[in-house]
Protein backbone atom coordinates (compact mmCIF):
# COMPACT_ATOMS: atom_id res chain seq x y z
CA MET A 1 0.09 -0.02 -0.10
CA GLN A 2 1.43 3.38 -0.87
CA TRP A 3 0.13 6.64 0.87
CA LYS A 4 0.02 9.62 -1.29
CA LEU A 5 -1.07 13.11 0.22
CA GLU A 6 -2.05 15.88 -2.03
CA TYR A 7 0.07 18.76 -1.33
CA LYS A 8 -1.64 22.00 -0.07
CA GLU A 9 0.21 25.13 0.73
CA PRO A 10 -1.16 26.57 3.91
CA LYS A 11 -3.46 29.35 3.39
CA GLY A 12 -4.37 32.66 5.45
CA THR A 13 -2.33 34.07 8.15
CA TYR A 14 -0.78 32.41 11.18
CA LYS A 15 -0.07 33.57 14.72
CA ASN A 16 3.59 32.51 14.27
CA GLU A 17 5.80 30.17 12.40
CA GLN A 18 5.22 27.51 14.62
CA MET A 19 1.57 27.19 13.64
CA LYS A 20 2.57 27.65 9.92
CA LYS A 21 5.16 24.45 10.50
CA TYR A 22 2.12 22.51 11.91
CA MET A 23 0.15 23.20 9.06
CA MET A 24 2.63 22.03 6.83
CA VAL A 25 3.01 18.83 8.68
CA GLN A 26 -0.83 18.14 8.20
CA ASN A 27 -1.00 19.14 4.62
CA GLY A 28 2.61 19.00 3.28
CA GLU A 29 3.97 16.47 0.45
CA PRO A 30 6.44 14.30 1.83
CA ASN A 31 10.04 14.83 0.17
CA TYR A 32 10.36 11.39 -1.77
CA GLN A 33 13.41 12.62 -3.31
CA GLU A 34 15.18 12.80 -0.26
CA ASP A 35 13.99 9.36 0.72
CA ASP A 36 15.86 8.05 -2.34
CA ASN A 37 19.13 10.08 -1.30
CA ILE A 38 19.19 8.68 1.89
CA ILE A 39 18.46 4.97 0.40
CA GLN A 40 21.48 5.70 -2.23
CA GLY A 41 23.90 7.09 0.59
CA ASN A 42 23.22 4.72 3.03
CA ARG A 43 24.14 1.76 0.52
CA LYS A 44 27.86 3.13 0.70
CA ILE A 45 28.04 3.75 4.60
CA GLY A 46 25.50 1.04 6.00
CA LEU A 47 24.34 2.81 9.12
CA LYS A 48 21.39 1.40 11.34
CA MET A 49 19.04 4.05 11.33
CA ILE A 50 15.90 4.78 13.40
CA LEU A 51 13.17 7.35 12.22
CA HIS A 52 11.79 10.03 14.53
CA THR A 53 8.28 11.11 13.29
CA SER A 54 7.63 14.69 12.84
CA MET A 55 6.50 16.93 15.45
CA GLY A 56 2.77 18.06 15.68
CA ILE A 57 1.60 14.30 14.82
CA TYR A 58 0.93 12.83 18.43
CA LEU A 59 -1.26 9.79 19.49
CA ASN A 60 -3.29 11.45 22.36
CA ASP A 61 -6.34 12.70 19.86
CA PRO A 62 -9.44 10.24 19.42
CA LEU A 63 -8.93 7.75 16.49
CA TRP A 64 -12.00 8.77 14.72
CA ASN A 65 -13.29 12.37 13.69
CA ASN A 66 -16.55 12.45 12.11
CA GLY A 67 -16.29 9.00 10.74
CA LYS A 68 -12.98 9.48 9.52
CA ARG A 69 -9.58 8.05 10.54
CA HIS A 70 -7.75 11.11 12.19
CA TRP A 71 -5.28 12.70 9.97
CA LYS A 72 -2.56 12.40 12.48
CA ILE A 73 -2.81 8.57 12.34
CA ASN A 74 -2.71 8.68 8.51
CA ARG A 75 0.30 10.96 8.58
CA ILE A 76 2.31 8.69 11.11
CA LEU A 77 1.21 5.73 8.67
CA GLU A 78 2.82 7.94 5.75
CA GLU A 79 5.80 8.26 7.57
CA ILE A 80 6.07 4.35 8.32
CA TYR A 81 5.60 3.59 4.75
CA ARG A 82 8.33 5.77 3.82
CA THR A 83 10.58 4.02 6.68
CA ASP A 84 10.07 0.97 5.07
CA LYS A 85 10.91 1.74 1.71
CA ILE A 86 14.35 3.33 3.36
CA GLY A 87 14.83 0.13 5.01
CA ILE A 88 14.55 1.48 8.77
CA LYS A 89 13.04 -1.22 11.30
CA TRP A 90 12.03 1.26 14.26
CA VAL A 91 9.86 4.47 14.24
CA VAL A 92 9.88 6.55 17.31
CA ILE A 93 6.44 8.33 17.82
CA HIS A 94 5.58 11.28 20.04
CA ILE A 95 2.82 10.32 22.12
CA GLY A 96 1.95 14.06 22.97
CA THR A 97 1.44 15.83 26.26
CA ALA A 98 -1.80 14.38 27.69
CA ALA A 99 -3.51 13.86 30.80
CA ASP A 100 -4.69 10.14 31.88
CA LYS A 101 -7.90 10.65 30.34
CA ASN A 102 -6.30 10.52 26.98
CA ARG A 103 -4.85 6.78 27.71
CA SER A 104 -7.45 4.98 25.89
CA ASP A 105 -7.11 7.23 22.91
CA MET A 106 -3.32 6.61 22.78
CA ILE A 107 -4.02 2.81 23.22
CA ASP A 108 -6.61 2.80 20.47
CA ASN A 109 -4.35 4.83 17.94
CA ILE A 110 -1.33 2.55 18.64
CA ASN A 111 -3.39 -0.62 18.11
CA GLU A 112 -4.85 0.83 14.86
CA ILE A 113 -1.14 1.58 13.50
CA LEU A 114 0.11 -1.82 14.55
CA LYS A 115 -3.14 -3.36 12.86
CA GLU A 116 -2.17 -1.77 9.70
CA LEU A 117 1.44 -2.91 9.87
CA VAL A 118 0.24 -6.53 10.23
CA GLN A 119 -1.85 -6.30 7.46
CA GLN A 120 0.69 -5.02 5.18
CA GLN A 121 3.03 -7.49 6.62
CA LEU A 122 5.85 -4.79 7.45
CA GLU A 123 8.59 -5.78 10.02
CA ILE A 124 8.79 -2.55 11.40
CA GLY A 125 8.05 -1.64 15.04
CA ILE A 126 7.01 1.48 16.84
CA LEU A 127 8.67 3.06 20.00
CA LEU A 128 7.14 5.22 22.55
CA LYS A 129 9.39 7.95 24.05
CA ASN A 130 9.26 9.39 27.70
CA LEU A 131 8.27 12.95 27.81
CA ALA A 132 10.19 16.12 29.28
CA SER A 133 7.14 17.49 30.89
CA ASN A 134 6.78 16.58 34.52
CA ASN A 135 2.80 16.99 34.98
CA CYS A 136 1.66 14.73 32.06
CA TYR A 137 0.84 11.20 31.05
CA GLY A 138 3.84 9.49 29.42
CA ALA A 139 6.80 11.09 31.39
CA THR A 140 7.67 8.28 33.24
CA ILE A 141 8.71 4.79 32.21
CA PRO A 142 5.94 3.06 34.11
CA ASP A 143 3.24 5.22 32.04
CA LEU A 144 4.88 3.86 28.98
CA MET A 145 5.02 0.38 30.33
CA ASP A 146 1.23 0.89 31.32
CA ILE A 147 0.56 1.56 27.49
CA VAL A 148 2.77 -1.10 25.97
CA ASN A 149 1.21 -3.80 28.27
CA SER A 150 -2.51 -2.62 27.42
CA ILE A 151 -1.72 -3.11 23.50
CA ASP A 152 -3.37 -6.01 21.82
CA GLN A 153 -1.17 -9.15 22.64
CA GLN A 154 -1.19 -10.24 18.92
CA LEU A 155 -0.35 -6.95 17.59
CA ARG A 156 2.53 -6.22 20.31
CA PHE A 157 4.44 -9.20 19.17
CA LYS A 158 5.45 -10.79 15.95
CA ASN A 159 5.66 -14.43 17.00
CA LYS A 160 3.90 -16.76 19.31
CA GLU A 161 6.88 -17.09 21.49
CA LYS A 162 6.47 -13.34 22.03
CA SER A 163 10.29 -12.95 21.64
CA LYS A 164 9.88 -10.44 18.76
CA LYS A 165 8.28 -7.07 19.57
CA ARG A 166 6.56 -4.77 17.46
CA ILE A 167 6.58 -2.01 20.39
CA GLY A 168 9.00 -0.62 22.66
CA ILE A 169 10.57 2.23 24.48
CA CYS A 170 12.95 4.98 23.44
CA PHE A 171 14.35 6.25 26.54
CA ASP A 172 15.70 9.96 26.45
CA THR A 173 18.08 10.93 29.04
CA GLN A 174 17.58 14.63 28.90
CA HIS A 175 13.70 14.15 29.09
CA TYR A 176 14.14 11.79 32.35
CA TYR A 177 15.95 14.71 33.95
CA VAL A 178 13.80 17.50 33.65
CA ALA A 179 10.90 15.33 34.35
CA GLY A 180 12.22 14.82 37.67
CA GLY A 181 13.15 11.40 37.16
CA GLY A 182 16.99 11.53 38.43
CA LYS A 183 19.96 13.25 38.85
CA ARG A 184 22.51 10.51 39.58
CA ILE A 185 23.92 7.46 37.93
CA ASN A 186 22.08 4.93 40.07
CA GLU A 187 18.64 6.17 39.36
CA TYR A 188 19.45 6.00 35.68
CA ARG A 189 20.86 2.40 36.07
CA ASN A 190 17.67 1.56 37.94
CA ILE A 191 15.67 2.22 34.68
CA TYR A 192 17.91 -0.04 32.76
CA ASN A 193 18.05 -2.77 35.22
CA LYS A 194 14.18 -2.79 35.51
CA TYR A 195 13.17 -1.64 32.02
CA GLY A 196 16.05 -2.41 29.94
CA HIS A 197 14.61 -5.49 28.03
CA GLU A 198 11.88 -2.81 26.83
CA ILE A 199 14.34 -0.20 25.84
CA ILE A 200 15.12 -0.64 22.32
CA VAL A 201 16.78 2.76 21.49
CA THR A 202 18.19 5.36 23.95
CA HIS A 203 18.52 9.00 23.10
CA VAL A 204 21.63 10.52 24.69
CA ASN A 205 21.28 14.09 25.18
CA ASN A 206 22.47 16.17 28.14
CA SER A 207 20.91 19.25 29.92
CA PRO A 208 22.48 22.45 29.34
CA PRO A 209 23.16 24.65 32.78
CA GLU A 210 20.17 26.74 32.55
CA VAL A 211 17.68 24.01 32.65
CA ILE A 212 16.12 23.31 36.07
CA PHE A 213 15.67 19.80 37.51
CA GLY A 214 12.06 18.56 37.20
CA LYS A 215 10.86 21.43 35.63
CA GLY A 216 9.87 19.88 32.09
CA MET A 217 12.04 22.09 29.93
CA ASP A 218 12.82 20.32 26.56
CA LYS A 219 16.51 21.88 25.87
CA HIS A 220 19.35 19.62 25.11
CA ALA A 221 23.20 19.68 25.28
CA HIS A 222 26.18 17.78 24.10
CA ILE A 223 26.62 14.79 26.47
CA MET A 224 30.35 15.77 26.76
CA ASP A 225 29.47 19.49 27.71
CA PRO A 226 31.30 20.00 30.99
CA ALA A 227 28.85 22.71 32.15
CA ALA A 228 25.97 20.21 31.22
CA LYS A 229 23.79 18.70 34.33
CA ILE A 230 23.92 14.85 33.69
CA PRO A 231 27.16 13.42 34.75
CA ILE A 232 29.37 11.57 32.19
CA GLU A 233 29.13 8.49 34.06
CA VAL A 234 25.43 7.87 33.11
CA TYR A 235 26.28 7.63 29.61
CA GLN A 236 29.36 5.42 30.55
CA MET A 237 26.86 3.21 32.25
CA ILE A 238 24.57 3.10 29.47
CA ALA A 239 26.97 2.25 26.94
CA GLY A 240 28.23 -0.73 29.10
CA HIS A 241 24.87 -2.01 30.24
CA LYS A 242 23.95 -5.47 29.44
CA GLU A 243 20.72 -4.65 27.94
């Protein structure tokens, strides 16, 4: 199945560039030429790539809108089909900042996406990333595991032995810090000891000096920045962890 979105230039005036970019995500035509460039380039260097879906397409809206599947889910599927063409096996999806009341919408949307992957026989999995915000559902790994454990079991795994996953976790070190998860190496180690078997990808980011612990500011720094907040020992632990 091939998704093809009709290109529509955003019309009218917008309060800011961010809103205009948001509308481009909804209506814009994917850059298929860039996809081909990635395919050709990676034949030479052979990287294992992970795709990160566009900002603005989240999982916290109702699946159906006036009898039609929500455009955000169609847009996510569009990016997943492009991912398959490029040869990428995992896709990181934003769940969106939401309260507990959005939990059922997230689960419905994920089940719908996974059902589509099964029907199209795609060997792609999706990853849910912990949020930077400290006051919304999805900021903690237990929140994400609550979602993962609520997914239809036949969709969650690729085989009867349940050894091959279609859904996992992307752990973001900076998001964990600013959501109030932990400052010290043992707090990060505990995450990997308990949930490492579900963490498929780690986003290794640091927090710049101006970021306050637990305040939810999604602002990144290089992991080697000597002024950044997360100690280098955390990244050394992650690199050497058995999971």
